[in-house]
């Protein structure tokens, strides 16, 4: 096998390990997420009341687990962000079994899928760290979560210069990716595939000028 022409971290995060949050666990995450929403700089915008939080598959990287979420508000905006934590040790006893070190981040947008009927993927993203490659080139490790707006999808990939750097099977029609972005002038493309491998949709995290 010849050497790789593009030396970049791939599939850096653990795949989703659990079901989507429910019950007491969902309530714990909700409290953290809403606390982050209270810290948002609204820039004079009236956010309104948050509705039900839609949770997305978990991803774990560098010892922290990230669970993204979105919620619509009573003023038609969308809140988006994530809750991260140190996962508990299932083999430990007492408090060490429980998740700890909770951190959360949130923001809002008025760009929603309902206002953009041409969208095929509804995406959110947040840079959560960095990765240093050859010759000190740096990639932005980016959490990407969302849902397809077309039918028939089974798995979503993140591609950097046509190289798959992460993938996630849809879980209740939702996905979460964690991949290097903005590396050596290349940016992520998010692609939706059917179970047979047919590409159904593709979108960039960046709007093209013009």
N, C-alpha and C. Protein backbone atom coordinates (compact mmCIF):
# COMPACT_ATOMS: atom_id res chain seq x y z
N UNK A 1 0.84 -1.19 0.00
CA UNK A 1 0.00 0.00 0.00
C UNK A 1 0.89 1.25 0.00
N UNK A 2 0.66 2.20 -0.91
CA UNK A 2 1.52 3.38 -0.98
C UNK A 2 1.27 4.31 0.20
N UNK A 3 2.23 5.20 0.49
CA UNK A 3 2.04 6.15 1.59
C UNK A 3 0.84 7.07 1.33
N UNK A 4 0.24 7.56 2.41
CA UNK A 4 -0.87 8.51 2.29
C UNK A 4 -0.35 9.85 1.77
N UNK A 5 -1.05 10.43 0.83
CA UNK A 5 -0.67 11.74 0.31
C UNK A 5 -1.17 12.87 1.21
N UNK A 6 -2.20 12.60 2.00
CA UNK A 6 -2.75 13.61 2.91
C UNK A 6 -2.72 13.07 4.31
N UNK A 7 -1.79 13.57 5.11
CA UNK A 7 -1.58 13.10 6.46
C UNK A 7 -2.43 13.95 7.41
N UNK A 8 -3.57 13.41 7.81
CA UNK A 8 -4.49 14.13 8.69
C UNK A 8 -5.21 13.12 9.56
N UNK A 9 -5.56 13.53 10.77
CA UNK A 9 -6.25 12.62 11.67
C UNK A 9 -7.61 12.23 11.10
N UNK A 10 -7.95 10.94 11.23
CA UNK A 10 -9.21 10.42 10.71
C UNK A 10 -9.88 9.57 11.78
N UNK A 11 -11.21 9.66 11.86
CA UNK A 11 -12.00 8.85 12.80
C UNK A 11 -11.42 8.97 14.20
N UNK A 12 -11.19 10.23 14.60
CA UNK A 12 -10.52 10.51 15.88
C UNK A 12 -11.43 10.24 17.07
N UNK A 13 -12.72 10.40 16.91
CA UNK A 13 -13.65 10.25 18.03
C UNK A 13 -14.22 8.84 18.09
N UNK A 14 -14.60 8.43 19.29
CA UNK A 14 -15.29 7.15 19.45
C UNK A 14 -16.66 7.24 18.77
N UNK A 15 -17.15 6.16 18.18
CA UNK A 15 -18.51 6.17 17.64
C UNK A 15 -19.52 6.31 18.78
N UNK A 16 -20.76 6.67 18.47
CA UNK A 16 -21.78 6.78 19.52
C UNK A 16 -21.86 5.50 20.35
N UNK A 17 -21.94 5.68 21.67
CA UNK A 17 -21.91 4.54 22.58
C UNK A 17 -23.26 4.23 23.22
N UNK A 18 -24.21 5.14 23.13
CA UNK A 18 -25.47 4.91 23.82
C UNK A 18 -26.66 5.38 23.00
N UNK A 19 -27.84 5.12 23.54
CA UNK A 19 -29.08 5.59 22.92
C UNK A 19 -29.21 7.10 23.15
N UNK A 20 -30.13 7.72 22.46
CA UNK A 20 -30.39 9.14 22.68
C UNK A 20 -30.92 9.33 24.10
N UNK A 21 -30.56 10.46 24.74
CA UNK A 21 -30.92 10.67 26.14
C UNK A 21 -32.42 10.65 26.39
N UNK A 22 -32.81 10.03 27.50
CA UNK A 22 -34.20 10.00 27.94
C UNK A 22 -34.23 10.10 29.46
N UNK A 23 -35.41 10.32 30.01
CA UNK A 23 -35.61 10.26 31.45
C UNK A 23 -34.74 11.21 32.26
N UNK A 24 -34.20 10.70 33.38
CA UNK A 24 -33.42 11.53 34.29
C UNK A 24 -32.15 12.04 33.61
N UNK A 25 -31.56 11.22 32.75
CA UNK A 25 -30.34 11.64 32.06
C UNK A 25 -30.64 12.82 31.14
N UNK A 26 -31.74 12.76 30.42
CA UNK A 26 -32.13 13.87 29.55
C UNK A 26 -32.39 15.13 30.39
N UNK A 27 -32.99 14.97 31.56
CA UNK A 27 -33.26 16.12 32.42
C UNK A 27 -31.96 16.76 32.90
N UNK A 28 -30.95 15.93 33.21
CA UNK A 28 -29.65 16.46 33.63
C UNK A 28 -29.02 17.26 32.50
N UNK A 29 -29.02 16.70 31.30
CA UNK A 29 -28.46 17.42 30.16
C UNK A 29 -29.24 18.68 29.84
N UNK A 30 -30.56 18.61 29.99
CA UNK A 30 -31.39 19.78 29.72
C UNK A 30 -31.02 20.95 30.63
N UNK A 31 -30.81 20.67 31.92
CA UNK A 31 -30.45 21.74 32.86
C UNK A 31 -29.13 22.39 32.45
N UNK A 32 -28.16 21.58 32.01
CA UNK A 32 -26.88 22.13 31.58
C UNK A 32 -27.03 22.94 30.30
N UNK A 33 -27.80 22.42 29.35
CA UNK A 33 -28.00 23.11 28.07
C UNK A 33 -28.70 24.45 28.27
N UNK A 34 -29.77 24.46 29.08
CA UNK A 34 -30.51 25.70 29.30
C UNK A 34 -29.67 26.72 30.06
N UNK A 35 -28.79 26.24 30.94
CA UNK A 35 -27.88 27.16 31.62
C UNK A 35 -26.97 27.85 30.61
N UNK A 36 -26.50 27.10 29.61
CA UNK A 36 -25.68 27.70 28.56
C UNK A 36 -26.48 28.70 27.74
N UNK A 37 -27.76 28.40 27.51
CA UNK A 37 -28.61 29.32 26.74
C UNK A 37 -28.77 30.66 27.47
N UNK A 38 -28.78 30.63 28.79
CA UNK A 38 -28.91 31.87 29.56
C UNK A 38 -27.67 32.74 29.42
N UNK A 39 -26.56 32.14 29.03
CA UNK A 39 -25.31 32.90 28.88
C UNK A 39 -25.12 33.45 27.46
N UNK A 40 -26.04 33.18 26.56
CA UNK A 40 -25.91 33.62 25.17
C UNK A 40 -25.95 35.14 25.09
N UNK A 41 -25.06 35.72 24.30
CA UNK A 41 -25.11 37.13 23.96
C UNK A 41 -26.16 37.30 22.87
N UNK A 42 -27.32 37.76 23.23
CA UNK A 42 -28.45 37.81 22.29
C UNK A 42 -28.35 38.96 21.31
N UNK A 43 -27.44 39.91 21.54
CA UNK A 43 -27.27 41.06 20.64
C UNK A 43 -28.59 41.80 20.44
N UNK A 44 -29.39 41.85 21.50
CA UNK A 44 -30.67 42.55 21.45
C UNK A 44 -31.81 41.73 20.90
N UNK A 45 -31.55 40.49 20.47
CA UNK A 45 -32.60 39.62 19.93
C UNK A 45 -33.42 39.02 21.07
N UNK A 46 -34.73 38.94 20.88
CA UNK A 46 -35.60 38.31 21.85
C UNK A 46 -35.65 36.81 21.56
N UNK A 47 -35.01 36.00 22.41
CA UNK A 47 -34.93 34.57 22.14
C UNK A 47 -36.25 33.86 22.40
N UNK A 48 -37.02 34.31 23.36
CA UNK A 48 -38.26 33.63 23.69
C UNK A 48 -38.02 32.41 24.58
N UNK A 49 -39.06 31.61 24.72
CA UNK A 49 -38.99 30.41 25.57
C UNK A 49 -38.51 29.22 24.75
N UNK A 50 -37.60 28.45 25.35
CA UNK A 50 -37.10 27.25 24.67
C UNK A 50 -38.14 26.14 24.70
N UNK A 51 -38.28 25.44 23.57
CA UNK A 51 -39.18 24.30 23.51
C UNK A 51 -38.44 23.01 23.84
N UNK A 52 -38.98 21.90 23.40
CA UNK A 52 -38.36 20.60 23.66
C UNK A 52 -36.99 20.51 23.01
N UNK A 53 -36.03 19.96 23.75
CA UNK A 53 -34.67 19.82 23.23
C UNK A 53 -34.57 18.51 22.45
N UNK A 54 -34.05 18.61 21.24
CA UNK A 54 -33.80 17.44 20.41
C UNK A 54 -32.33 17.06 20.59
N UNK A 55 -32.08 15.87 21.12
CA UNK A 55 -30.71 15.41 21.37
C UNK A 55 -30.17 14.60 20.21
N UNK A 56 -28.86 14.63 20.06
CA UNK A 56 -28.18 13.95 18.95
C UNK A 56 -27.19 12.93 19.51
N UNK A 57 -26.71 12.00 18.68
CA UNK A 57 -25.81 10.94 19.18
C UNK A 57 -24.57 11.51 19.86
N UNK A 58 -24.10 10.79 20.88
CA UNK A 58 -22.90 11.20 21.61
C UNK A 58 -21.65 10.87 20.83
N UNK A 59 -20.60 11.68 21.03
CA UNK A 59 -19.28 11.38 20.50
C UNK A 59 -18.25 11.70 21.59
N UNK A 60 -17.23 10.85 21.73
CA UNK A 60 -16.23 11.03 22.76
C UNK A 60 -14.86 11.23 22.11
N UNK A 61 -14.15 12.28 22.59
CA UNK A 61 -12.84 12.63 22.04
C UNK A 61 -12.00 13.23 23.15
N UNK A 62 -10.78 12.77 23.28
CA UNK A 62 -9.85 13.25 24.31
C UNK A 62 -10.47 13.16 25.70
N UNK A 63 -11.17 12.08 25.95
CA UNK A 63 -11.67 11.82 27.29
C UNK A 63 -12.96 12.51 27.66
N UNK A 64 -13.50 13.34 26.76
CA UNK A 64 -14.77 14.02 27.04
C UNK A 64 -15.83 13.54 26.06
N UNK A 65 -17.04 13.38 26.57
CA UNK A 65 -18.18 13.00 25.75
C UNK A 65 -19.00 14.25 25.44
N UNK A 66 -19.39 14.39 24.18
CA UNK A 66 -20.17 15.54 23.72
C UNK A 66 -21.54 15.06 23.26
N UNK A 67 -22.58 15.70 23.79
CA UNK A 67 -23.95 15.40 23.38
C UNK A 67 -24.57 16.70 22.87
N UNK A 68 -24.74 16.85 21.56
CA UNK A 68 -25.32 18.08 21.01
C UNK A 68 -26.84 18.10 21.18
N UNK A 69 -27.39 19.31 21.09
CA UNK A 69 -28.83 19.46 21.16
C UNK A 69 -29.28 20.70 20.39
N UNK A 70 -30.54 20.70 20.02
CA UNK A 70 -31.18 21.87 19.41
C UNK A 70 -32.56 22.04 20.01
N UNK A 71 -33.06 23.26 19.98
CA UNK A 71 -34.42 23.53 20.48
C UNK A 71 -34.97 24.76 19.79
N UNK A 72 -36.21 24.69 19.38
CA UNK A 72 -36.88 25.86 18.83
C UNK A 72 -37.39 26.73 19.98
N UNK A 73 -37.53 28.02 19.70
CA UNK A 73 -38.04 28.93 20.71
C UNK A 73 -39.40 29.49 20.29
N UNK A 74 -40.05 30.12 21.25
CA UNK A 74 -41.38 30.67 20.99
C UNK A 74 -41.35 31.83 20.01
N UNK A 75 -40.17 32.38 19.73
CA UNK A 75 -40.06 33.47 18.75
C UNK A 75 -39.58 32.98 17.39
N UNK A 76 -39.51 31.66 17.19
CA UNK A 76 -39.16 31.11 15.88
C UNK A 76 -37.68 30.95 15.64
N UNK A 77 -36.86 31.19 16.65
CA UNK A 77 -35.42 30.99 16.52
C UNK A 77 -35.06 29.55 16.88
N UNK A 78 -33.81 29.18 16.61
CA UNK A 78 -33.34 27.86 17.01
C UNK A 78 -32.12 28.02 17.92
N UNK A 79 -32.18 27.37 19.07
CA UNK A 79 -31.03 27.27 19.97
C UNK A 79 -30.25 26.02 19.60
N UNK A 80 -28.93 26.13 19.60
CA UNK A 80 -28.12 24.96 19.30
C UNK A 80 -26.86 24.98 20.16
N UNK A 81 -26.37 23.82 20.49
CA UNK A 81 -25.17 23.74 21.31
C UNK A 81 -24.91 22.32 21.75
N UNK A 82 -24.13 22.17 22.82
CA UNK A 82 -23.82 20.83 23.29
C UNK A 82 -23.55 20.85 24.79
N UNK A 83 -23.65 19.68 25.38
CA UNK A 83 -23.21 19.45 26.75
C UNK A 83 -22.08 18.44 26.69
N UNK A 84 -20.98 18.71 27.38
CA UNK A 84 -19.87 17.76 27.43
C UNK A 84 -19.58 17.40 28.88
N UNK A 85 -18.96 16.25 29.06
CA UNK A 85 -18.70 15.78 30.42
C UNK A 85 -17.64 14.68 30.37
N UNK A 86 -17.10 14.38 31.54
CA UNK A 86 -16.19 13.26 31.70
C UNK A 86 -17.03 12.03 32.00
N UNK A 87 -17.02 11.03 31.13
CA UNK A 87 -17.87 9.86 31.37
C UNK A 87 -17.42 9.10 32.61
N UNK A 88 -18.37 8.53 33.31
CA UNK A 88 -18.05 7.73 34.49
C UNK A 88 -17.40 6.40 34.11
N UNK A 89 -16.75 5.80 35.08
CA UNK A 89 -16.10 4.50 34.90
C UNK A 89 -17.06 3.41 35.36
N UNK A 90 -17.58 2.59 34.44
CA UNK A 90 -18.56 1.56 34.83
C UNK A 90 -17.99 0.51 35.77
N UNK A 91 -16.65 0.39 35.82
CA UNK A 91 -16.03 -0.60 36.70
C UNK A 91 -15.70 -0.03 38.08
N UNK A 92 -15.91 1.27 38.24
CA UNK A 92 -15.60 1.90 39.53
C UNK A 92 -16.79 1.78 40.47
N UNK A 93 -16.60 2.24 41.69
CA UNK A 93 -17.66 2.24 42.68
C UNK A 93 -17.90 3.66 43.15
N UNK A 94 -19.13 3.93 43.59
CA UNK A 94 -19.46 5.23 44.14
C UNK A 94 -19.51 6.32 43.10
N UNK A 95 -19.09 7.54 43.47
CA UNK A 95 -19.21 8.70 42.57
C UNK A 95 -18.44 8.55 41.26
N UNK A 96 -17.38 7.73 41.26
CA UNK A 96 -16.58 7.59 40.04
C UNK A 96 -17.36 6.92 38.92
N UNK A 97 -18.49 6.31 39.24
CA UNK A 97 -19.32 5.71 38.20
C UNK A 97 -20.10 6.74 37.40
N UNK A 98 -20.32 7.91 38.01
CA UNK A 98 -21.21 8.91 37.42
C UNK A 98 -20.43 9.92 36.57
N UNK A 99 -21.07 10.43 35.52
CA UNK A 99 -20.45 11.50 34.73
C UNK A 99 -20.15 12.71 35.60
N UNK A 100 -19.10 13.45 35.26
CA UNK A 100 -18.70 14.61 36.05
C UNK A 100 -18.09 15.66 35.13
N UNK A 101 -17.75 16.80 35.70
CA UNK A 101 -17.08 17.85 34.95
C UNK A 101 -17.90 18.39 33.80
N UNK A 102 -19.17 18.67 34.04
CA UNK A 102 -20.05 19.12 32.96
C UNK A 102 -19.64 20.51 32.46
N UNK A 103 -19.67 20.67 31.15
CA UNK A 103 -19.49 21.96 30.49
C UNK A 103 -20.53 22.06 29.37
N UNK A 104 -20.94 23.26 29.05
CA UNK A 104 -21.96 23.42 28.01
C UNK A 104 -21.73 24.69 27.21
N UNK A 105 -22.22 24.68 25.99
CA UNK A 105 -22.09 25.81 25.09
C UNK A 105 -23.37 25.93 24.27
N UNK A 106 -23.81 27.15 24.01
CA UNK A 106 -25.03 27.33 23.22
C UNK A 106 -24.99 28.64 22.46
N UNK A 107 -25.75 28.69 21.38
CA UNK A 107 -25.90 29.89 20.57
C UNK A 107 -27.27 29.83 19.92
N UNK A 108 -27.59 30.79 19.08
CA UNK A 108 -28.90 30.79 18.42
C UNK A 108 -28.74 31.20 16.97
N UNK A 109 -29.76 30.88 16.18
CA UNK A 109 -29.78 31.27 14.78
C UNK A 109 -31.22 31.50 14.33
N UNK A 110 -31.38 32.36 13.34
CA UNK A 110 -32.69 32.54 12.72
C UNK A 110 -32.77 31.81 11.40
N UNK A 111 -31.68 31.10 11.02
CA UNK A 111 -31.67 30.32 9.79
C UNK A 111 -32.18 28.91 10.12
N UNK A 112 -33.41 28.64 9.77
CA UNK A 112 -34.02 27.34 10.08
C UNK A 112 -34.39 26.61 8.79
N UNK A 113 -34.60 25.30 8.93
CA UNK A 113 -34.94 24.49 7.76
C UNK A 113 -36.25 24.94 7.13
N UNK A 114 -37.21 25.37 7.94
CA UNK A 114 -38.50 25.80 7.40
C UNK A 114 -38.36 27.03 6.51
N UNK A 115 -37.36 27.86 6.83
CA UNK A 115 -37.14 29.07 6.04
C UNK A 115 -36.26 28.82 4.83
N UNK A 116 -35.76 27.60 4.71
CA UNK A 116 -34.84 27.26 3.60
C UNK A 116 -35.26 25.92 2.98
N UNK A 117 -36.31 25.91 2.19
CA UNK A 117 -36.83 24.66 1.63
C UNK A 117 -35.87 23.95 0.68
N UNK A 118 -34.81 24.64 0.24
CA UNK A 118 -33.84 24.01 -0.65
C UNK A 118 -32.81 23.18 0.11
N UNK A 119 -32.74 23.30 1.43
CA UNK A 119 -31.79 22.52 2.21
C UNK A 119 -32.08 21.03 2.10
N UNK A 120 -31.03 20.24 2.04
CA UNK A 120 -31.16 18.78 2.12
C UNK A 120 -30.60 18.22 3.43
N UNK A 121 -29.78 19.04 4.09
CA UNK A 121 -29.24 18.68 5.41
C UNK A 121 -29.39 19.90 6.32
N UNK A 122 -29.82 19.67 7.53
CA UNK A 122 -29.93 20.71 8.53
C UNK A 122 -28.74 20.54 9.48
N UNK A 123 -27.76 21.45 9.42
CA UNK A 123 -26.48 21.26 10.10
C UNK A 123 -26.21 22.33 11.14
N UNK A 124 -25.54 21.92 12.24
CA UNK A 124 -24.96 22.82 13.22
C UNK A 124 -23.51 22.41 13.42
N UNK A 125 -22.67 23.35 13.82
CA UNK A 125 -21.27 22.99 14.03
C UNK A 125 -20.64 23.89 15.08
N UNK A 126 -19.62 23.37 15.73
CA UNK A 126 -18.88 24.10 16.76
C UNK A 126 -17.47 23.55 16.83
N UNK A 127 -16.47 24.42 16.77
CA UNK A 127 -15.08 24.00 16.94
C UNK A 127 -14.84 23.72 18.42
N UNK A 128 -14.29 22.53 18.74
CA UNK A 128 -14.09 22.17 20.14
C UNK A 128 -12.62 21.91 20.47
N UNK A 129 -11.73 22.03 19.49
CA UNK A 129 -10.31 21.79 19.76
C UNK A 129 -9.51 21.91 18.49
N UNK A 130 -8.26 21.48 18.56
CA UNK A 130 -7.38 21.56 17.41
C UNK A 130 -6.51 20.32 17.27
N UNK A 131 -5.93 20.18 16.10
CA UNK A 131 -4.99 19.08 15.81
C UNK A 131 -3.87 19.65 14.95
N UNK A 132 -2.63 19.36 15.35
CA UNK A 132 -1.48 19.90 14.63
C UNK A 132 -0.88 18.83 13.74
N UNK A 133 -0.78 19.14 12.46
CA UNK A 133 -0.24 18.19 11.49
C UNK A 133 1.16 18.55 11.05
N UNK A 134 1.50 18.10 9.86
CA UNK A 134 2.84 18.33 9.32
C UNK A 134 3.10 19.82 9.11
N UNK A 135 4.36 20.22 9.32
CA UNK A 135 4.81 21.59 9.09
C UNK A 135 3.94 22.60 9.84
N UNK A 136 3.46 22.18 11.00
CA UNK A 136 2.67 23.02 11.90
C UNK A 136 1.32 23.44 11.32
N UNK A 137 0.86 22.75 10.25
CA UNK A 137 -0.50 23.01 9.78
C UNK A 137 -1.48 22.55 10.86
N UNK A 138 -2.51 23.34 11.08
CA UNK A 138 -3.46 23.03 12.14
C UNK A 138 -4.86 22.86 11.59
N UNK A 139 -5.54 21.86 12.13
CA UNK A 139 -6.94 21.60 11.77
C UNK A 139 -7.83 21.98 12.94
N UNK A 140 -9.01 22.48 12.64
CA UNK A 140 -10.00 22.80 13.65
C UNK A 140 -10.87 21.56 13.86
N UNK A 141 -10.74 20.93 15.03
CA UNK A 141 -11.56 19.75 15.32
C UNK A 141 -12.98 20.24 15.60
N UNK A 142 -13.89 19.82 14.73
CA UNK A 142 -15.22 20.42 14.68
C UNK A 142 -16.31 19.39 14.93
N UNK A 143 -17.17 19.72 15.87
CA UNK A 143 -18.36 18.90 16.15
C UNK A 143 -19.46 19.35 15.19
N UNK A 144 -20.01 18.40 14.46
CA UNK A 144 -21.07 18.70 13.48
C UNK A 144 -22.26 17.79 13.79
N UNK A 145 -23.43 18.37 13.93
CA UNK A 145 -24.61 17.55 14.20
C UNK A 145 -25.80 18.07 13.39
N UNK A 146 -26.76 17.18 13.16
CA UNK A 146 -27.90 17.60 12.38
C UNK A 146 -28.80 16.45 12.00
N UNK A 147 -29.60 16.70 10.96
CA UNK A 147 -30.56 15.70 10.50
C UNK A 147 -30.76 15.87 8.99
N UNK A 148 -31.01 14.77 8.29
CA UNK A 148 -31.29 14.87 6.86
C UNK A 148 -32.70 15.39 6.63
N UNK A 149 -32.88 16.10 5.53
CA UNK A 149 -34.19 16.61 5.15
C UNK A 149 -34.72 15.92 3.91
N UNK A 150 -34.02 14.86 3.50
CA UNK A 150 -34.48 14.00 2.41
C UNK A 150 -34.57 12.57 2.94
N UNK A 151 -35.38 11.76 2.32
CA UNK A 151 -35.61 10.41 2.79
C UNK A 151 -34.57 9.43 2.24
N UNK A 152 -34.48 8.29 2.91
CA UNK A 152 -33.66 7.20 2.39
C UNK A 152 -32.26 7.14 2.90
N UNK A 153 -31.85 8.08 3.76
CA UNK A 153 -30.49 8.10 4.26
C UNK A 153 -30.25 7.06 5.35
N UNK A 154 -29.00 6.61 5.45
CA UNK A 154 -28.63 5.64 6.47
C UNK A 154 -27.37 6.04 7.22
N UNK A 155 -26.46 6.74 6.55
CA UNK A 155 -25.19 7.07 7.17
C UNK A 155 -24.69 8.41 6.62
N UNK A 156 -24.00 9.17 7.46
CA UNK A 156 -23.49 10.48 7.09
C UNK A 156 -21.98 10.47 7.26
N UNK A 157 -21.28 11.06 6.31
CA UNK A 157 -19.82 11.14 6.39
C UNK A 157 -19.36 12.59 6.39
N UNK A 158 -18.16 12.80 6.94
CA UNK A 158 -17.47 14.07 6.83
C UNK A 158 -16.26 13.84 5.94
N UNK A 159 -16.10 14.65 4.88
CA UNK A 159 -15.00 14.48 3.94
C UNK A 159 -14.18 15.75 3.87
N UNK A 160 -12.87 15.56 3.86
CA UNK A 160 -11.92 16.66 3.73
C UNK A 160 -11.09 16.40 2.48
N UNK A 161 -11.28 17.25 1.47
CA UNK A 161 -10.61 17.05 0.18
C UNK A 161 -10.86 15.65 -0.35
N UNK A 162 -12.13 15.20 -0.31
CA UNK A 162 -12.58 13.90 -0.81
C UNK A 162 -12.04 12.72 0.01
N UNK A 163 -11.51 12.99 1.19
CA UNK A 163 -11.04 11.94 2.08
C UNK A 163 -12.00 11.85 3.26
N UNK A 164 -12.59 10.67 3.47
CA UNK A 164 -13.51 10.49 4.59
C UNK A 164 -12.72 10.55 5.90
N UNK A 165 -13.12 11.46 6.78
CA UNK A 165 -12.42 11.62 8.05
C UNK A 165 -13.32 11.29 9.25
N UNK A 166 -14.61 11.07 9.01
CA UNK A 166 -15.50 10.58 10.06
C UNK A 166 -16.80 10.12 9.42
N UNK A 167 -17.56 9.30 10.16
CA UNK A 167 -18.88 8.90 9.69
C UNK A 167 -19.74 8.51 10.88
N UNK A 168 -21.06 8.56 10.67
CA UNK A 168 -22.00 8.24 11.75
C UNK A 168 -23.28 7.70 11.13
N UNK A 169 -23.71 6.55 11.60
CA UNK A 169 -25.00 6.01 11.18
C UNK A 169 -26.11 6.84 11.80
N UNK A 170 -27.20 7.03 11.06
CA UNK A 170 -28.32 7.80 11.58
C UNK A 170 -28.94 7.08 12.77
N UNK A 171 -29.24 7.84 13.81
CA UNK A 171 -29.90 7.33 15.00
C UNK A 171 -31.15 8.16 15.20
N UNK A 172 -32.30 7.55 14.97
CA UNK A 172 -33.57 8.27 15.01
C UNK A 172 -33.52 9.49 14.08
N UNK A 173 -32.90 9.28 12.91
CA UNK A 173 -32.79 10.29 11.86
C UNK A 173 -31.93 11.49 12.29
N UNK A 174 -30.95 11.23 13.16
CA UNK A 174 -30.03 12.28 13.60
C UNK A 174 -28.61 11.74 13.57
N UNK A 175 -27.64 12.65 13.49
CA UNK A 175 -26.24 12.22 13.44
C UNK A 175 -25.36 13.25 14.13
N UNK A 176 -24.18 12.79 14.54
CA UNK A 176 -23.14 13.67 15.08
C UNK A 176 -21.79 13.23 14.52
N UNK A 177 -21.01 14.19 14.06
CA UNK A 177 -19.68 13.93 13.54
C UNK A 177 -18.66 14.74 14.34
N UNK A 178 -17.41 14.28 14.35
CA UNK A 178 -16.33 15.04 14.96
C UNK A 178 -15.12 14.86 14.07
N UNK A 179 -14.74 15.93 13.38
CA UNK A 179 -13.76 15.78 12.30
C UNK A 179 -12.88 17.01 12.16
N UNK A 180 -11.69 16.86 11.55
CA UNK A 180 -10.81 18.00 11.30
C UNK A 180 -11.35 18.85 10.15
N UNK A 181 -11.32 20.15 10.35
CA UNK A 181 -11.80 21.09 9.35
C UNK A 181 -10.77 22.20 9.16
N UNK A 182 -10.90 22.95 8.08
CA UNK A 182 -10.03 24.10 7.83
C UNK A 182 -8.56 23.70 7.93
N UNK A 183 -8.18 22.70 7.14
CA UNK A 183 -6.83 22.16 7.20
C UNK A 183 -6.16 22.29 5.83
N UNK A 184 -5.07 23.04 5.77
CA UNK A 184 -4.30 23.24 4.54
C UNK A 184 -5.20 23.75 3.41
N UNK A 185 -6.11 24.63 3.75
CA UNK A 185 -6.98 25.23 2.75
C UNK A 185 -8.18 24.39 2.36
N UNK A 186 -8.38 23.26 3.02
CA UNK A 186 -9.52 22.38 2.72
C UNK A 186 -10.55 22.49 3.82
N UNK A 187 -11.83 22.31 3.43
CA UNK A 187 -12.93 22.45 4.37
C UNK A 187 -13.86 21.24 4.25
N UNK A 188 -14.58 20.99 5.33
CA UNK A 188 -15.42 19.80 5.39
C UNK A 188 -16.63 19.86 4.46
N UNK A 189 -16.91 18.72 3.85
CA UNK A 189 -18.18 18.47 3.17
C UNK A 189 -18.90 17.37 3.94
N UNK A 190 -20.18 17.57 4.18
CA UNK A 190 -21.01 16.59 4.89
C UNK A 190 -21.90 15.91 3.85
N UNK A 191 -21.83 14.57 3.82
CA UNK A 191 -22.56 13.83 2.78
C UNK A 191 -23.46 12.76 3.40
N UNK A 192 -24.64 12.63 2.81
CA UNK A 192 -25.63 11.63 3.23
C UNK A 192 -25.68 10.51 2.21
N UNK A 193 -25.62 9.26 2.71
CA UNK A 193 -25.66 8.10 1.83
C UNK A 193 -26.79 7.16 2.23
N UNK A 194 -27.28 6.42 1.23
CA UNK A 194 -28.28 5.38 1.50
C UNK A 194 -27.56 4.13 2.00
N UNK A 195 -28.33 3.13 2.40
CA UNK A 195 -27.75 1.88 2.89
C UNK A 195 -26.97 1.19 1.78
N UNK A 196 -27.28 1.48 0.53
CA UNK A 196 -26.57 0.89 -0.61
C UNK A 196 -25.34 1.69 -1.02
N UNK A 197 -25.11 2.81 -0.36
CA UNK A 197 -23.94 3.62 -0.68
C UNK A 197 -24.20 4.69 -1.72
N UNK A 198 -25.44 4.94 -2.06
CA UNK A 198 -25.76 6.01 -3.02
C UNK A 198 -25.75 7.36 -2.30
N UNK A 199 -25.08 8.35 -2.89
CA UNK A 199 -25.05 9.68 -2.29
C UNK A 199 -26.39 10.38 -2.52
N UNK A 200 -27.01 10.83 -1.43
CA UNK A 200 -28.32 11.47 -1.51
C UNK A 200 -28.25 12.98 -1.32
N UNK A 201 -27.23 13.45 -0.61
CA UNK A 201 -27.12 14.88 -0.34
C UNK A 201 -25.69 15.21 0.05
N UNK A 202 -25.30 16.45 -0.22
CA UNK A 202 -23.96 16.92 0.15
C UNK A 202 -24.05 18.40 0.48
N UNK A 203 -23.36 18.81 1.52
CA UNK A 203 -23.39 20.21 1.91
C UNK A 203 -22.07 20.58 2.54
N UNK A 204 -21.65 21.82 2.35
CA UNK A 204 -20.46 22.36 2.98
C UNK A 204 -20.85 23.14 4.22
N UNK A 205 -19.92 23.23 5.17
CA UNK A 205 -20.17 24.06 6.33
C UNK A 205 -20.06 25.54 6.02
N UNK A 206 -19.63 25.86 4.81
CA UNK A 206 -19.36 27.26 4.43
C UNK A 206 -20.17 27.63 3.22
N UNK A 207 -20.79 28.80 3.27
CA UNK A 207 -21.51 29.31 2.12
C UNK A 207 -20.53 29.80 1.07
N UNK A 208 -20.81 29.49 -0.19
CA UNK A 208 -19.97 29.96 -1.28
C UNK A 208 -20.29 31.41 -1.61
N UNK A 209 -19.26 32.20 -1.84
CA UNK A 209 -19.49 33.61 -2.22
C UNK A 209 -20.20 33.67 -3.56
N UNK A 210 -21.17 34.55 -3.63
CA UNK A 210 -21.88 34.75 -4.87
C UNK A 210 -22.90 33.69 -5.14
